[in-house]
Amino acid sequence: MLKRISALVVAGLTAMSVAACGSGSGGSGGTSGGGDSITMGFSQVGAESGWRTANTKSVQDSAKNAGVTLKFSDAQQKQENQIKAIRSYIQQKVDIIAFSPVVESGWETVLKEAKDAKIPVILTDRAVDSPDTSLYKTFLGSDFVEEGKKAGQWLVEEYKDATDPVNIVELQGTTGSAPANDRKAGFAEVIGAESKFKVVASQTGDFTRAKGKEVMEAFLKSNPDIDVLYAHNDDMGLGAIEAIEGAGKVPGKDIKIITVDAVKDGMQALADGKINFIVECSPLLGPQLMDLAKKVLKGEQVPPRVVTEETTFTQEQAKQVLSTRQY
């Protein structure tokens, strides 16, 4: 089934929970909606992939359209850079802070500093593992475990009649990040029900095309009989395709490839038959983020978890929608 619900529609769904909130949800600037301006400090993971670039553009464009003043910081995939950026936003007394955490752990201290300054925080795209959920107002993003499960379900169906072992290599995302942890866990849960599926190698490719190629080259040297590649994002999968072709094999045939994201380059490779299946993860979170920020600063209650709704793509489905992809 090919179904997409735009980010704007999903944002509208979040408006269903607008009960009045208790005290202290506004930032230090005291913004209460209406005609008041909002200043948001936003710390981005980096620019490691086509997905991330599209996500950044969505946030920047949506802030402009919503009349939000955006203070933007690129963490270059380093947690210490994000912590510095958040502390800078606290010092600047922004109205609200949003960020996509590089990794899941190690945020309690700086988030407590934001809370003490009465500056609300929204997590976007990635979660943190702190048990104190009062440190942030909501988490907006995809269900990464479900994405991993979708990848595994396609694999199980594709090899339902196979009797021989199916050798799988896995290109993980950035070590310690929520999407890497969860996409691995969801995939493992599904394929673990059948003993014929063997993950013979699993290593991080840092979500980048260059690292995906490098690690896949190593996989091919140490594992001559690879049947399937599961890459946690399109960019690593695209890098792996270069390695597979360099080894004289045919991607999509000699080695089946599953990826996550559905950026335009990945969708083109899917349409060309070099990738076999893509699980969508939409980067267009900007409209929802601005909508949630305004609600939080008005003192409205927002859901603690806002999940974006996404689909999956086969080769034929990719061909149908490729010309209309926004990213």
Protein backbone atom coordinates (compact mmCIF):
# COMPACT_ATOMS: atom_id res chain seq x y z
CA MET A 1 0.00 0.00 0.00
CA LEU A 2 1.37 3.37 -0.98
CA LYS A 3 0.07 6.01 1.34
CA ARG A 4 1.55 9.33 2.41
CA ILE A 5 0.22 11.79 4.89
CA SER A 6 1.92 15.13 4.52
CA ALA A 7 3.71 16.72 7.43
CA LEU A 8 1.15 19.50 7.44
CA VAL A 9 -1.74 17.06 7.80
CA VAL A 10 -0.02 15.23 10.62
CA ALA A 11 0.70 18.56 12.28
CA GLY A 12 -3.00 19.23 12.16
CA LEU A 13 -3.67 15.99 14.00
CA THR A 14 -1.56 17.16 16.93
CA ALA A 15 -4.01 19.99 17.45
CA MET A 16 -6.55 17.46 18.74
CA SER A 17 -5.00 17.55 22.20
CA VAL A 18 -5.27 21.17 23.30
CA ALA A 19 -6.32 20.92 26.96
CA ALA A 20 -4.99 23.75 29.10
CA CYS A 21 -1.60 23.02 30.63
CA GLY A 22 -0.50 23.72 34.20
CA SER A 23 2.21 26.19 35.11
CA GLY A 24 5.59 27.04 33.68
CA SER A 25 5.45 25.81 30.09
CA GLY A 26 6.56 29.13 28.61
CA GLY A 27 10.17 30.11 27.99
CA SER A 28 12.14 32.80 29.76
CA GLY A 29 11.06 35.26 27.11
CA GLY A 30 7.46 34.91 28.26
CA THR A 31 6.11 34.41 24.73
CA SER A 32 2.41 33.61 24.85
CA GLY A 33 1.44 33.41 21.19
CA GLY A 34 -0.73 35.97 19.50
CA GLY A 35 1.37 38.56 17.70
CA ASP A 36 4.48 38.04 19.83
CA SER A 37 7.63 36.92 18.07
CA ILE A 38 9.26 33.58 18.94
CA THR A 39 12.97 32.91 19.01
CA MET A 40 13.95 29.25 18.70
CA GLY A 41 17.41 27.83 19.24
CA PHE A 42 17.85 24.76 17.03
CA SER A 43 20.84 22.39 17.23
CA GLN A 44 21.16 20.04 14.27
CA VAL A 45 23.15 16.79 14.27
CA GLY A 46 25.15 17.79 11.21
CA ALA A 47 24.99 17.40 7.43
CA GLU A 48 25.96 13.75 7.15
CA SER A 49 23.34 12.72 4.60
CA GLY A 50 20.79 13.85 2.06
CA TRP A 51 18.12 13.20 4.69
CA ARG A 52 19.75 15.56 7.17
CA THR A 53 20.14 18.30 4.57
CA ALA A 54 16.44 18.04 3.72
CA ASN A 55 15.54 18.06 7.42
CA THR A 56 17.55 21.24 7.99
CA LYS A 57 15.92 22.97 5.02
CA SER A 58 12.47 21.96 6.28
CA VAL A 59 13.15 23.47 9.71
CA GLN A 60 14.64 26.67 8.28
CA ASP A 61 11.90 27.19 5.70
CA SER A 62 9.13 26.41 8.18
CA ALA A 63 10.55 28.83 10.75
CA LYS A 64 10.57 31.60 8.14
CA ASN A 65 7.01 30.80 7.06
CA ALA A 66 5.81 30.72 10.68
CA GLY A 67 7.50 34.01 11.59
CA VAL A 68 9.87 32.28 14.03
CA THR A 69 13.37 33.70 14.50
CA LEU A 70 15.69 30.70 14.22
CA LYS A 71 19.14 30.51 15.78
CA PHE A 72 20.71 27.53 14.02
CA SER A 73 23.75 25.43 15.00
CA ASP A 74 25.39 22.50 13.18
CA ALA A 75 26.94 20.09 15.71
CA GLN A 76 29.01 18.24 13.09
CA GLN A 77 27.93 14.95 14.71
CA LYS A 78 29.59 15.81 18.05
CA GLN A 79 27.63 15.78 21.29
CA GLU A 80 29.92 18.32 22.93
CA ASN A 81 29.06 20.81 20.16
CA GLN A 82 25.35 20.35 20.80
CA ILE A 83 25.75 20.84 24.54
CA LYS A 84 27.69 24.07 23.90
CA ALA A 85 24.98 25.26 21.51
CA ILE A 86 22.18 24.55 23.99
CA ARG A 87 24.05 26.39 26.74
CA SER A 88 24.53 29.31 24.38
CA TYR A 89 20.80 29.38 23.66
CA ILE A 90 20.10 29.38 27.41
CA GLN A 91 22.45 32.35 27.86
CA GLN A 92 20.74 34.16 24.99
CA LYS A 93 17.38 33.56 26.68
CA VAL A 94 15.66 32.15 23.61
CA ASP A 95 11.98 31.29 23.99
CA ILE A 96 12.30 27.60 23.12
CA ILE A 97 15.02 25.09 22.23
CA ALA A 98 14.74 22.22 19.76
CA PHE A 99 17.43 19.72 18.86
CA SER A 100 18.07 16.36 17.26
CA PRO A 101 20.38 14.51 19.68
CA VAL A 102 23.57 13.03 18.22
CA VAL A 103 23.36 10.16 20.72
CA GLU A 104 20.77 9.09 23.28
CA SER A 105 22.72 9.42 26.54
CA GLY A 106 24.37 12.24 28.47
CA TRP A 107 21.81 15.04 28.24
CA GLU A 108 20.43 15.31 31.79
CA THR A 109 22.70 18.11 33.01
CA VAL A 110 22.20 20.53 30.13
CA LEU A 111 18.47 19.81 29.88
CA LYS A 112 18.15 20.48 33.61
CA GLU A 113 19.87 23.83 32.99
CA ALA A 114 17.26 24.67 30.33
CA LYS A 115 14.44 23.61 32.64
CA ASP A 116 15.82 25.75 35.48
CA ALA A 117 15.92 28.69 33.05
CA LYS A 118 12.27 27.98 32.21
CA ILE A 119 13.08 27.40 28.55
CA PRO A 120 11.06 24.47 27.15
CA VAL A 121 12.78 21.87 24.96
CA ILE A 122 11.43 19.85 22.04
CA LEU A 123 13.28 16.77 20.76
CA THR A 124 13.14 16.30 16.99
CA ASP A 125 13.94 13.18 14.96
CA ARG A 126 15.90 11.45 17.75
CA ALA A 127 15.12 10.63 21.37
CA VAL A 128 17.15 10.76 24.58
CA ASP A 129 17.22 7.94 27.14
CA SER A 130 16.75 10.06 30.27
CA PRO A 131 14.10 8.65 32.63
CA ASP A 132 13.15 12.23 33.56
CA THR A 133 10.68 13.08 30.82
CA SER A 134 9.96 16.44 32.43
CA LEU A 135 13.21 17.70 30.88
CA TYR A 136 11.49 18.07 27.51
CA LYS A 137 7.96 18.84 26.37
CA THR A 138 7.59 16.39 23.49
CA PHE A 139 9.51 14.20 21.08
CA LEU A 140 8.64 14.63 17.39
CA GLY A 141 9.91 11.96 15.02
CA SER A 142 9.61 8.57 13.41
CA ASP A 143 9.21 5.21 15.12
CA PHE A 144 12.66 3.78 14.39
CA VAL A 145 11.86 0.36 15.86
CA GLU A 146 8.90 0.09 13.51
CA GLU A 147 11.16 1.04 10.59
CA GLY A 148 13.48 -1.83 11.48
CA LYS A 149 10.52 -4.18 11.73
CA LYS A 150 9.28 -3.14 8.27
CA ALA A 151 12.72 -3.89 6.83
CA GLY A 152 12.72 -7.30 8.50
CA GLN A 153 9.18 -8.11 7.36
CA TRP A 154 10.07 -7.48 3.73
CA LEU A 155 13.11 -9.74 4.08
CA VAL A 156 11.10 -12.54 5.66
CA GLU A 157 8.54 -12.37 2.85
CA GLU A 158 11.21 -12.15 0.13
CA TYR A 159 12.91 -15.32 1.41
CA LYS A 160 9.84 -17.20 2.65
CA ASP A 161 10.58 -20.18 0.37
CA ALA A 162 14.33 -20.26 0.99
CA THR A 163 15.72 -23.31 2.76
CA ASP A 164 19.41 -22.39 2.75
CA PRO A 165 20.89 -19.89 5.22
CA VAL A 166 20.44 -16.22 4.26
CA ASN A 167 23.63 -14.31 5.07
CA ILE A 168 23.02 -10.67 6.02
CA VAL A 169 25.42 -7.79 6.60
CA GLU A 170 24.25 -4.68 8.42
CA LEU A 171 25.47 -1.11 8.06
CA GLN A 172 24.49 0.57 11.32
CA GLY A 173 24.00 4.27 11.88
CA THR A 174 26.05 6.37 14.28
CA THR A 175 26.94 4.31 17.36
CA GLY A 176 24.71 5.20 20.31
CA SER A 177 22.16 7.12 18.26
CA ALA A 178 18.46 6.35 18.61
CA PRO A 179 17.89 5.41 14.94
CA ALA A 180 20.88 3.06 14.95
CA ASN A 181 19.83 1.35 18.17
CA ASP A 182 16.16 1.08 17.26
CA ARG A 183 16.46 0.15 13.58
CA LYS A 184 18.81 -2.66 14.59
CA ALA A 185 16.49 -3.85 17.36
CA GLY A 186 13.33 -3.84 15.24
CA PHE A 187 15.02 -5.70 12.39
CA ALA A 188 16.55 -8.28 14.74
CA GLU A 189 13.21 -8.91 16.43
CA VAL A 190 11.52 -9.84 13.16
CA ILE A 191 14.23 -11.96 11.54
CA GLY A 192 15.12 -13.62 14.85
CA ALA A 193 12.01 -15.78 14.57
CA GLU A 194 13.63 -17.79 11.75
CA SER A 195 17.01 -19.47 12.19
CA LYS A 196 17.87 -19.32 8.48
CA PHE A 197 18.57 -15.57 8.73
CA LYS A 198 22.18 -15.00 9.80
CA VAL A 199 23.66 -11.54 10.44
CA VAL A 200 27.27 -12.40 9.61
CA ALA A 201 28.64 -8.85 10.07
CA SER A 202 27.32 -5.63 11.59
CA GLN A 203 29.26 -2.39 11.85
CA THR A 204 28.62 1.35 11.94
CA GLY A 205 28.87 3.38 8.76
CA ASP A 206 28.10 6.67 10.59
CA PHE A 207 25.15 7.34 8.26
CA THR A 208 27.56 8.57 5.55
CA ARG A 209 28.02 7.42 1.97
CA ALA A 210 31.84 7.36 2.22
CA LYS A 211 31.85 5.25 5.37
CA GLY A 212 29.17 2.96 3.96
CA LYS A 213 31.40 2.23 0.98
CA GLU A 214 34.46 1.67 3.16
CA VAL A 215 32.73 -0.74 5.54
CA MET A 216 31.00 -2.62 2.73
CA GLU A 217 34.37 -3.15 1.03
CA ALA A 218 35.60 -4.75 4.25
CA PHE A 219 32.45 -6.87 4.52
CA LEU A 220 32.95 -8.19 0.98
CA LYS A 221 36.54 -9.20 1.71
CA SER A 222 35.74 -11.03 4.93
CA ASN A 223 32.37 -12.52 3.90
CA PRO A 224 32.40 -13.89 0.34
CA ASP A 225 28.81 -15.18 0.45
CA ILE A 226 26.64 -12.17 1.28
CA ASP A 227 22.98 -12.47 0.28
CA VAL A 228 21.50 -9.30 1.79
CA LEU A 229 22.62 -5.86 2.92
CA TYR A 230 20.52 -3.98 5.47
CA ALA A 231 21.64 -0.34 5.67
CA HIS A 232 20.21 1.99 8.32
CA ASN A 233 19.96 4.80 5.77
CA ASP A 234 20.03 5.38 2.02
CA ASP A 235 23.40 7.14 1.98
CA MET A 236 25.25 4.18 3.48
CA GLY A 237 23.40 1.91 1.06
CA LEU A 238 24.45 4.08 -1.88
CA GLY A 239 28.06 3.94 -0.74
CA ALA A 240 27.77 0.16 -0.39
CA ILE A 241 26.47 -0.07 -3.97
CA GLU A 242 29.75 1.45 -5.16
CA ALA A 243 31.67 -1.17 -3.19
CA ILE A 244 29.51 -4.01 -4.50
CA GLU A 245 29.95 -2.88 -8.10
CA GLY A 246 33.67 -2.44 -7.50
CA ALA A 247 33.82 -6.07 -6.41
CA GLY A 248 32.24 -7.17 -9.70
CA LYS A 249 28.83 -8.00 -8.21
CA VAL A 250 25.40 -6.70 -9.20
CA PRO A 251 23.61 -4.74 -6.46
CA GLY A 252 19.95 -5.67 -6.16
CA LYS A 253 20.57 -9.10 -7.71
CA ASP A 254 23.72 -10.73 -6.37
CA ILE A 255 23.15 -8.90 -3.10
CA LYS A 256 19.66 -7.74 -2.16
CA ILE A 257 19.64 -4.32 -0.51
CA ILE A 258 17.25 -2.84 2.06
CA THR A 259 17.64 0.78 3.21
CA VAL A 260 15.81 3.39 5.28
CA ASP A 261 14.93 7.04 4.44
CA ALA A 262 13.63 7.30 0.85
CA VAL A 263 15.65 10.35 -0.19
CA LYS A 264 15.67 11.07 -3.92
CA ASP A 265 19.05 9.41 -4.63
CA GLY A 266 17.95 6.31 -2.79
CA MET A 267 14.61 6.24 -4.60
CA GLN A 268 16.42 6.54 -7.94
CA ALA A 269 18.59 3.55 -7.04
CA LEU A 270 15.44 1.67 -6.05
CA ALA A 271 13.74 2.55 -9.35
CA ASP A 272 16.89 1.37 -11.16
CA GLY A 273 16.81 -1.96 -9.32
CA LYS A 274 20.04 -1.43 -7.39
CA ILE A 275 18.12 -1.22 -4.10
CA ASN A 276 15.26 -3.67 -3.53
CA PHE A 277 13.21 -2.09 -0.74
CA ILE A 278 13.18 1.22 1.13
CA VAL A 279 11.45 2.05 4.40
CA GLU A 280 10.48 5.71 4.44
CA CYS A 281 11.62 8.13 7.15
CA SER A 282 10.41 11.62 6.32
CA PRO A 283 12.75 14.55 7.11
CA LEU A 284 10.03 17.16 6.58
CA LEU A 285 9.43 17.82 10.28
CA GLY A 286 9.64 21.61 10.15
CA PRO A 287 5.90 22.44 9.94
CA GLN A 288 5.09 20.10 12.85
CA LEU A 289 7.96 21.51 14.92
CA MET A 290 6.78 25.10 14.52
CA ASP A 291 3.20 24.09 15.31
CA LEU A 292 4.29 22.31 18.49
CA ALA A 293 6.55 25.20 19.56
CA LYS A 294 3.68 27.68 19.32
CA LYS A 295 1.37 25.40 21.33
CA VAL A 296 3.97 24.87 24.06
CA LEU A 297 4.60 28.61 24.39
CA LYS A 298 0.87 29.31 24.59
CA GLY A 299 0.68 26.93 27.54
CA GLU A 300 -1.29 24.30 25.64
CA GLN A 301 -0.76 20.65 26.38
CA VAL A 302 0.94 18.70 23.61
CA PRO A 303 1.33 14.92 23.25
CA PRO A 304 4.56 13.62 24.82
CA ARG A 305 5.22 11.70 21.61
CA VAL A 306 4.27 12.80 18.08
CA VAL A 307 4.93 10.08 15.51
CA THR A 308 5.24 10.90 11.84
CA GLU A 309 3.34 8.54 9.54
CA GLU A 310 5.33 6.98 6.72
CA THR A 311 5.23 4.18 4.20
CA THR A 312 7.53 1.79 2.32
CA PHE A 313 8.56 1.53 -1.33
CA THR A 314 9.19 -1.26 -3.82
CA GLN A 315 10.80 -0.68 -7.21
CA GLU A 316 7.51 -0.09 -9.01
CA GLN A 317 6.23 2.24 -6.31
CA ALA A 318 9.47 4.24 -6.47
CA LYS A 319 9.05 4.71 -10.21
CA GLN A 320 5.54 6.07 -9.67
CA VAL A 321 6.49 8.76 -7.13
CA LEU A 322 10.10 9.62 -7.97
CA SER A 323 9.26 12.69 -10.02
CA THR A 324 7.30 14.26 -7.16
CA ARG A 325 9.74 13.63 -4.29
CA GLN A 326 10.48 16.79 -2.29
CA TYR A 327 13.83 15.57 -1.01
